């Protein structure tokens, strides 16, 4: 009677969130065996999914052997450009937005009650009749005059690296294959794993003005730079998560002696980088002021849009000093490498 090979598999994991499916098939020497038994473990099946807190180092110390090492395509790209984030910069330039009535309201003013705004532009003791910040923003009695060019400026952000390629605990999944026959067998084991990275950002401090701009923040990652899009000065979005991860199917051959079993471990290496970012916000450009009488020889004067002293020099009076910068945290989690390890054979009880 032809002997049969029995293949059993169990799956253990350190993370209940990752989905892995194993399949096994086998062939013994001088034996034609087409019997294949698929093994499947789904997320949340507590009867078969169990947490296993071990590392690659633990397995190697226990006699396991590394037989396959797959690096992430992102990590294997050759790049000579190290992260600009470590140089306290980021990947976007300054952005400008026209100053609006909404911005003035956010600063505590009301264009329909302009007195408190007008007072920030008293020149030589004379109050202006009106102010023209730009073509879309006029305050009080504006006569014919050229437009101002007042705008909100998002400056280039400063970046502080908190974690640079921090090694996270290994994600380890194990299974085993058994050979109950009297002859050695080679078992083909199919499995799936994830490759790629996730990026996320979270606002921690809202800026003084809302502009709802989208910018890219650079995050260092193994000699290269990932970037994540963040919303600066937004009113509804305080953070997002983005994933480029994809599921990969692969196969490994396991040679198992007669009446023995071997364990197979799928080990995923994960690295994390975290940065704090801060984006400065300011009011720039100028406004045109018209006066009821000639002041310093003119009825119209061009002033700093953020307010002036009595002598006409800018003093940020309109913005009550410097504006509060927008701040947040950005993070990347990268699956940099997947390794397959095989244990020494264990004799089965006959």
Protein backbone atom coordinates (compact mmCIF):
# COMPACT_ATOMS: atom_id res chain seq x y z
CA UNK A 1 0.00 0.00 0.00
CA UNK A 2 1.32 3.41 -0.93
CA UNK A 3 2.18 5.44 2.11
CA UNK A 4 0.64 8.85 2.45
CA UNK A 5 2.12 12.09 3.63
CA UNK A 6 0.12 14.02 6.18
CA UNK A 7 0.63 17.71 6.25
CA UNK A 8 -0.64 19.83 9.05
CA UNK A 9 -0.12 23.45 9.71
CA UNK A 10 -0.68 25.89 12.50
CA UNK A 11 -0.21 29.57 12.39
CA UNK A 12 1.00 31.81 15.15
CA UNK A 13 1.36 35.56 14.98
CA UNK A 14 2.37 38.62 16.96
CA UNK A 15 -0.23 40.74 15.20
CA UNK A 16 -3.90 39.91 14.75
CA UNK A 17 -4.22 42.58 12.06
CA UNK A 18 -2.17 40.93 9.29
CA UNK A 19 -3.80 38.36 7.05
CA UNK A 20 -1.67 35.38 5.95
CA UNK A 21 -2.71 32.25 4.08
CA UNK A 22 -0.58 29.12 3.85
CA UNK A 23 -0.92 26.21 1.44
CA UNK A 24 1.08 22.99 1.46
CA UNK A 25 1.76 20.26 -1.08
CA UNK A 26 4.32 17.46 -1.07
CA UNK A 27 5.95 14.66 -2.97
CA UNK A 28 7.99 11.77 -1.54
CA UNK A 29 10.85 9.97 -3.23
CA UNK A 30 9.67 7.30 -5.73
CA UNK A 31 6.05 8.07 -4.88
CA UNK A 32 3.31 9.64 -6.99
CA UNK A 33 1.11 11.59 -4.61
CA UNK A 34 -1.32 14.21 -5.94
CA UNK A 35 -3.11 14.62 -2.65
CA UNK A 36 -2.90 18.32 -1.71
CA UNK A 37 -4.49 19.73 1.40
CA UNK A 38 -5.02 23.53 1.45
CA UNK A 39 -4.65 25.16 4.85
CA UNK A 40 -6.23 28.51 5.52
CA UNK A 41 -6.18 30.83 8.52
CA UNK A 42 -8.28 33.97 8.48
CA UNK A 43 -8.08 37.10 10.55
CA UNK A 44 -9.80 36.77 13.89
CA UNK A 45 -9.83 32.97 14.01
CA UNK A 46 -8.68 32.75 17.60
CA UNK A 47 -8.63 28.97 17.54
CA UNK A 48 -5.64 29.00 15.20
CA UNK A 49 -4.20 32.52 15.39
CA UNK A 50 -2.05 33.03 18.46
CA UNK A 51 0.36 35.79 19.41
CA UNK A 52 4.03 34.81 19.26
CA UNK A 53 6.52 37.26 20.77
CA UNK A 54 9.84 36.18 19.30
CA UNK A 55 12.44 37.83 17.07
CA UNK A 56 14.68 36.65 14.26
CA UNK A 57 17.56 36.71 16.72
CA UNK A 58 15.67 34.41 19.09
CA UNK A 59 15.01 31.94 16.29
CA UNK A 60 18.63 31.92 15.08
CA UNK A 61 19.85 31.30 18.61
CA UNK A 62 17.49 28.32 18.75
CA UNK A 63 19.04 26.75 15.67
CA UNK A 64 16.73 28.03 12.94
CA UNK A 65 18.27 28.59 9.50
CA UNK A 66 17.67 31.55 7.19
CA UNK A 67 16.74 30.29 3.70
CA UNK A 68 15.22 33.36 2.02
CA UNK A 69 15.60 37.12 2.40
CA UNK A 70 13.37 39.50 0.40
CA UNK A 71 14.03 43.23 0.67
CA UNK A 72 11.41 45.84 -0.09
CA UNK A 73 11.76 47.29 -3.63
CA UNK A 74 11.68 50.76 -2.08
CA UNK A 75 14.59 49.94 0.21
CA UNK A 76 16.65 48.40 -2.57
CA UNK A 77 16.55 51.52 -4.75
CA UNK A 78 19.96 53.12 -4.97
CA UNK A 79 19.75 56.75 -3.91
CA UNK A 80 22.45 59.26 -3.07
CA UNK A 81 20.03 61.85 -1.73
CA UNK A 82 19.75 61.55 2.01
CA UNK A 83 16.70 62.97 3.68
CA UNK A 84 16.44 66.76 3.58
CA UNK A 85 14.46 66.42 6.78
CA UNK A 86 17.69 65.94 8.75
CA UNK A 87 18.83 69.33 7.43
CA UNK A 88 15.81 71.04 8.96
CA UNK A 89 14.05 71.54 5.62
CA UNK A 90 11.06 70.05 3.83
CA UNK A 91 9.97 69.36 0.30
CA UNK A 92 7.77 72.35 -0.46
CA UNK A 93 8.41 76.05 -0.98
CA UNK A 94 6.58 79.09 0.33
CA UNK A 95 2.94 79.56 -0.62
CA UNK A 96 0.88 82.76 -0.87
CA UNK A 97 -2.85 83.31 -0.37
CA UNK A 98 -4.73 86.62 -0.70
CA UNK A 99 -5.65 88.16 2.63
CA UNK A 100 -9.44 87.97 3.06
CA UNK A 101 -12.16 89.26 5.36
CA UNK A 102 -12.28 85.77 6.89
CA UNK A 103 -8.61 86.10 7.83
CA UNK A 104 -9.30 89.44 9.51
CA UNK A 105 -12.17 87.83 11.39
CA UNK A 106 -9.84 85.05 12.56
CA UNK A 107 -7.57 87.81 13.89
CA UNK A 108 -10.50 89.26 15.85
CA UNK A 109 -11.73 91.98 13.47
CA UNK A 110 -14.99 92.67 11.64
CA UNK A 111 -14.82 94.52 8.31
CA UNK A 112 -18.34 95.81 8.97
CA UNK A 113 -17.06 97.52 12.13
CA UNK A 114 -13.78 98.80 10.75
CA UNK A 115 -12.69 101.21 13.48
CA UNK A 116 -10.32 98.76 15.16
CA UNK A 117 -8.76 97.94 11.77
CA UNK A 118 -8.39 101.59 10.70
CA UNK A 119 -6.64 102.44 13.98
CA UNK A 120 -3.76 100.11 13.10
CA UNK A 121 -2.86 102.46 10.20
CA UNK A 122 -2.92 105.93 11.84
CA UNK A 123 -0.13 107.94 10.21
CA UNK A 124 1.25 111.17 11.63
CA UNK A 125 -1.76 111.28 13.95
CA UNK A 126 -4.29 111.09 11.08
CA UNK A 127 -6.75 108.25 10.65
CA UNK A 128 -7.25 106.99 7.10
CA UNK A 129 -10.72 107.02 5.57
CA UNK A 130 -10.29 103.57 4.09
CA UNK A 131 -7.91 100.73 3.35
CA UNK A 132 -7.54 98.62 0.23
CA UNK A 133 -5.60 95.46 1.13
CA UNK A 134 -6.05 93.87 -2.30
CA UNK A 135 -8.63 93.73 -5.08
CA UNK A 136 -10.89 91.51 -2.97
CA UNK A 137 -10.54 93.15 0.45
CA UNK A 138 -11.57 96.77 1.11
CA UNK A 139 -12.23 98.35 4.49
CA UNK A 140 -14.41 101.44 5.12
CA UNK A 141 -14.47 104.48 2.80
CA UNK A 142 -12.22 103.53 -0.08
CA UNK A 143 -11.91 106.08 -2.89
CA UNK A 144 -10.34 105.43 -6.26
CA UNK A 145 -6.87 104.11 -5.58
CA UNK A 146 -4.52 101.35 -6.63
CA UNK A 147 -4.92 97.90 -5.11
CA UNK A 148 -2.77 96.72 -2.28
CA UNK A 149 -1.10 93.32 -2.44
CA UNK A 150 -1.71 91.94 1.05
CA UNK A 151 -1.40 88.16 1.39
CA UNK A 152 -0.96 85.34 3.88
CA UNK A 153 2.40 83.62 3.58
CA UNK A 154 3.04 80.00 4.50
CA UNK A 155 6.76 79.82 5.07
CA UNK A 156 9.03 76.85 4.59
CA UNK A 157 8.53 74.45 7.51
CA UNK A 158 11.11 73.45 10.04
CA UNK A 159 11.49 69.73 10.70
CA UNK A 160 12.77 67.98 13.82
CA UNK A 161 13.54 64.27 13.45
CA UNK A 162 12.35 62.26 16.47
CA UNK A 163 12.88 58.69 15.19
CA UNK A 164 15.12 57.91 12.22
CA UNK A 165 14.63 54.32 10.99
CA UNK A 166 13.81 53.00 14.44
CA UNK A 167 13.74 49.20 14.39
CA UNK A 168 10.34 47.95 15.52
CA UNK A 169 9.67 44.47 16.99
CA UNK A 170 9.69 41.74 14.35
CA UNK A 171 6.38 40.46 13.04
CA UNK A 172 6.68 36.68 13.17
CA UNK A 173 4.33 34.06 11.78
CA UNK A 174 5.08 30.35 12.16
CA UNK A 175 3.68 27.21 10.63
CA UNK A 176 4.92 23.62 10.43
CA UNK A 177 4.82 20.70 8.01
CA UNK A 178 4.83 17.03 8.98
CA UNK A 179 6.02 13.96 7.12
CA UNK A 180 4.52 10.76 8.57
CA UNK A 181 5.93 8.48 5.87
CA UNK A 182 8.98 6.24 5.92
CA UNK A 183 10.78 8.36 3.30
CA UNK A 184 12.06 11.96 3.16
CA UNK A 185 9.77 14.43 1.40
CA UNK A 186 10.00 17.93 -0.06
CA UNK A 187 7.03 20.08 0.82
CA UNK A 188 6.14 23.24 -1.10
CA UNK A 189 4.75 25.91 1.17
CA UNK A 190 2.89 28.91 -0.25
CA UNK A 191 2.44 32.02 1.88
CA UNK A 192 1.57 35.70 1.62
CA UNK A 193 3.17 38.74 3.20
CA UNK A 194 2.97 42.52 2.89
CA UNK A 195 5.43 44.94 1.28
CA UNK A 196 5.41 48.72 1.27
CA UNK A 197 4.96 51.50 3.77
CA UNK A 198 2.38 53.62 5.54
CA UNK A 199 2.59 57.35 6.19
CA UNK A 200 0.46 59.44 8.50
CA UNK A 201 0.28 62.94 9.92
CA UNK A 202 -1.54 64.57 12.81
CA UNK A 203 -1.99 68.26 13.55
CA UNK A 204 -1.00 69.17 17.11
CA UNK A 205 -1.26 72.99 16.99
CA UNK A 206 -3.56 74.95 14.68
CA UNK A 207 -2.12 78.06 13.04
CA UNK A 208 -3.57 81.53 13.56
CA UNK A 209 -5.04 81.66 10.04
CA UNK A 210 -6.93 79.11 7.93
CA UNK A 211 -5.70 78.70 4.36
CA UNK A 212 -6.39 74.99 3.73
CA UNK A 213 -3.12 74.42 1.86
CA UNK A 214 -1.68 71.02 0.95
CA UNK A 215 2.04 70.57 1.48
CA UNK A 216 4.53 67.69 1.47
CA UNK A 217 6.56 66.91 4.57
CA UNK A 218 9.74 64.86 4.13
CA UNK A 219 10.33 61.87 6.43
CA UNK A 220 13.75 60.14 6.50
CA UNK A 221 13.77 56.44 5.64
CA UNK A 222 16.96 54.39 5.22
CA UNK A 223 19.03 56.85 3.23
CA UNK A 224 16.07 58.13 1.22
CA UNK A 225 13.06 60.31 1.90
CA UNK A 226 9.38 59.52 2.04
CA UNK A 227 6.89 62.34 1.88
CA UNK A 228 3.37 62.69 3.14
CA UNK A 229 0.84 65.35 2.16
CA UNK A 230 -0.41 67.40 5.09
CA UNK A 231 -3.13 70.03 5.25
CA UNK A 232 -1.94 73.32 6.73
CA UNK A 233 -4.48 75.80 8.02
CA UNK A 234 -7.41 73.47 7.34
CA UNK A 235 -10.69 73.74 9.23
CA UNK A 236 -11.91 70.14 8.99
CA UNK A 237 -8.94 67.81 8.52
CA UNK A 238 -6.62 67.15 11.45
CA UNK A 239 -4.78 64.13 10.08
CA UNK A 240 -4.76 61.29 7.56
CA UNK A 241 -3.24 57.85 7.01
CA UNK A 242 -1.96 56.64 3.62
CA UNK A 243 -0.76 53.15 2.71
CA UNK A 244 1.20 51.83 -0.28
CA UNK A 245 1.28 48.29 1.10
CA UNK A 246 0.48 45.38 -1.18
CA UNK A 247 0.15 41.65 -0.55
CA UNK A 248 2.78 39.38 -2.12
CA UNK A 249 2.42 35.61 -2.61
CA UNK A 250 5.54 33.45 -2.52
CA UNK A 251 6.58 29.84 -2.07
CA UNK A 252 9.28 27.95 -0.20
CA UNK A 253 10.39 24.30 -0.40
CA UNK A 254 10.96 22.46 2.86
CA UNK A 255 12.83 19.16 2.98
CA UNK A 256 11.45 17.05 5.81
CA UNK A 257 12.95 13.72 6.94
CA UNK A 258 10.74 10.67 7.45
CA UNK A 259 8.53 10.73 10.54
CA UNK A 260 9.52 14.34 11.25
CA UNK A 261 8.26 17.86 11.09
CA UNK A 262 9.88 21.26 10.49
CA UNK A 263 8.67 24.69 11.46
CA UNK A 264 8.59 27.60 9.02
CA UNK A 265 8.76 31.22 10.20
CA UNK A 266 7.89 34.31 8.15
CA UNK A 267 9.67 37.28 9.77
CA UNK A 268 8.89 40.85 8.70
CA UNK A 269 11.27 43.69 9.58
CA UNK A 270 9.61 47.06 10.20
CA UNK A 271 11.24 50.46 10.64
CA UNK A 272 9.61 53.66 11.85
CA UNK A 273 10.55 57.30 11.33
CA UNK A 274 8.84 60.23 13.05
CA UNK A 275 9.25 63.98 12.62
CA UNK A 276 7.72 67.05 14.18
CA UNK A 277 6.99 69.86 11.74
CA UNK A 278 6.18 73.54 12.16
CA UNK A 279 4.94 75.84 9.38
CA UNK A 280 5.25 79.61 9.98
CA UNK A 281 2.30 81.82 9.00
CA UNK A 282 2.48 85.59 8.49
CA UNK A 283 0.71 88.53 6.83
CA UNK A 284 2.85 90.11 4.12
CA UNK A 285 2.57 92.66 1.34
CA UNK A 286 0.96 96.06 1.69
CA UNK A 287 -2.31 97.98 1.69
CA UNK A 288 -3.22 101.32 0.13
CA UNK A 289 -4.60 103.88 2.61
CA UNK A 290 -6.51 107.00 1.58
CA UNK A 291 -6.60 109.97 3.98
CA UNK A 292 -9.12 112.84 4.39
CA UNK A 293 -6.30 115.36 3.95
CA UNK A 294 -2.79 115.45 2.69
CA UNK A 295 -0.40 113.71 5.07
CA UNK A 296 3.30 114.11 4.50
CA UNK A 297 2.43 115.63 1.11
CA UNK A 298 0.10 112.84 -0.12
CA UNK A 299 -3.50 111.64 0.20
CA UNK A 300 -2.61 108.02 -0.54
CA UNK A 301 0.05 105.93 1.17
CA UNK A 302 1.25 102.36 0.78
CA UNK A 303 1.80 100.68 4.15
CA UNK A 304 2.83 97.32 5.53
CA UNK A 305 -0.36 95.22 5.54
CA UNK A 306 0.35 93.94 9.05
CA UNK A 307 0.00 97.44 10.57
CA UNK A 308 2.23 100.48 11.17
CA UNK A 309 3.58 102.80 13.81
CA UNK A 310 2.66 106.49 13.75
CA UNK A 311 5.77 107.16 11.67
CA UNK A 312 4.63 104.67 9.02
CA UNK A 313 7.00 101.82 9.83
CA UNK A 314 5.60 98.30 10.05
CA UNK A 315 4.91 96.99 13.54
CA UNK A 316 2.62 93.93 13.12
CA UNK A 317 -0.07 95.83 15.00
CA UNK A 318 -2.86 94.32 12.91
CA UNK A 319 -1.71 90.80 13.72
CA UNK A 320 -0.98 91.63 17.37
CA UNK A 321 2.61 90.54 16.90
CA UNK A 322 3.77 87.31 15.29
CA UNK A 323 1.15 84.76 14.25
CA UNK A 324 1.00 81.26 15.68
CA UNK A 325 2.64 78.62 13.45
CA UNK A 326 0.88 75.41 12.46
CA UNK A 327 2.52 72.32 13.97
CA UNK A 328 2.11 68.57 13.78
CA UNK A 329 3.73 65.16 13.63
CA UNK A 330 4.35 62.96 10.58
CA UNK A 331 5.28 59.29 10.68
CA UNK A 332 6.23 56.45 8.33
CA UNK A 333 6.11 52.69 8.98
CA UNK A 334 8.05 50.70 6.38
CA UNK A 335 8.12 46.94 5.89
CA UNK A 336 11.74 46.85 4.81
CA UNK A 337 12.44 43.12 4.67
CA UNK A 338 10.79 39.68 4.85
CA UNK A 339 12.78 36.61 5.87
CA UNK A 340 11.96 32.90 5.84
CA UNK A 341 13.54 30.70 8.49
CA UNK A 342 13.35 26.91 8.93
CA UNK A 343 13.80 25.01 12.17
CA UNK A 344 15.73 21.79 12.72
CA UNK A 345 13.58 18.66 12.19
CA UNK A 346 11.68 17.27 15.13
CA UNK A 347 10.92 13.56 15.37
CA UNK A 348 7.24 12.67 15.42
CA UNK A 349 5.87 10.30 17.99
CA UNK A 350 5.08 7.00 16.28
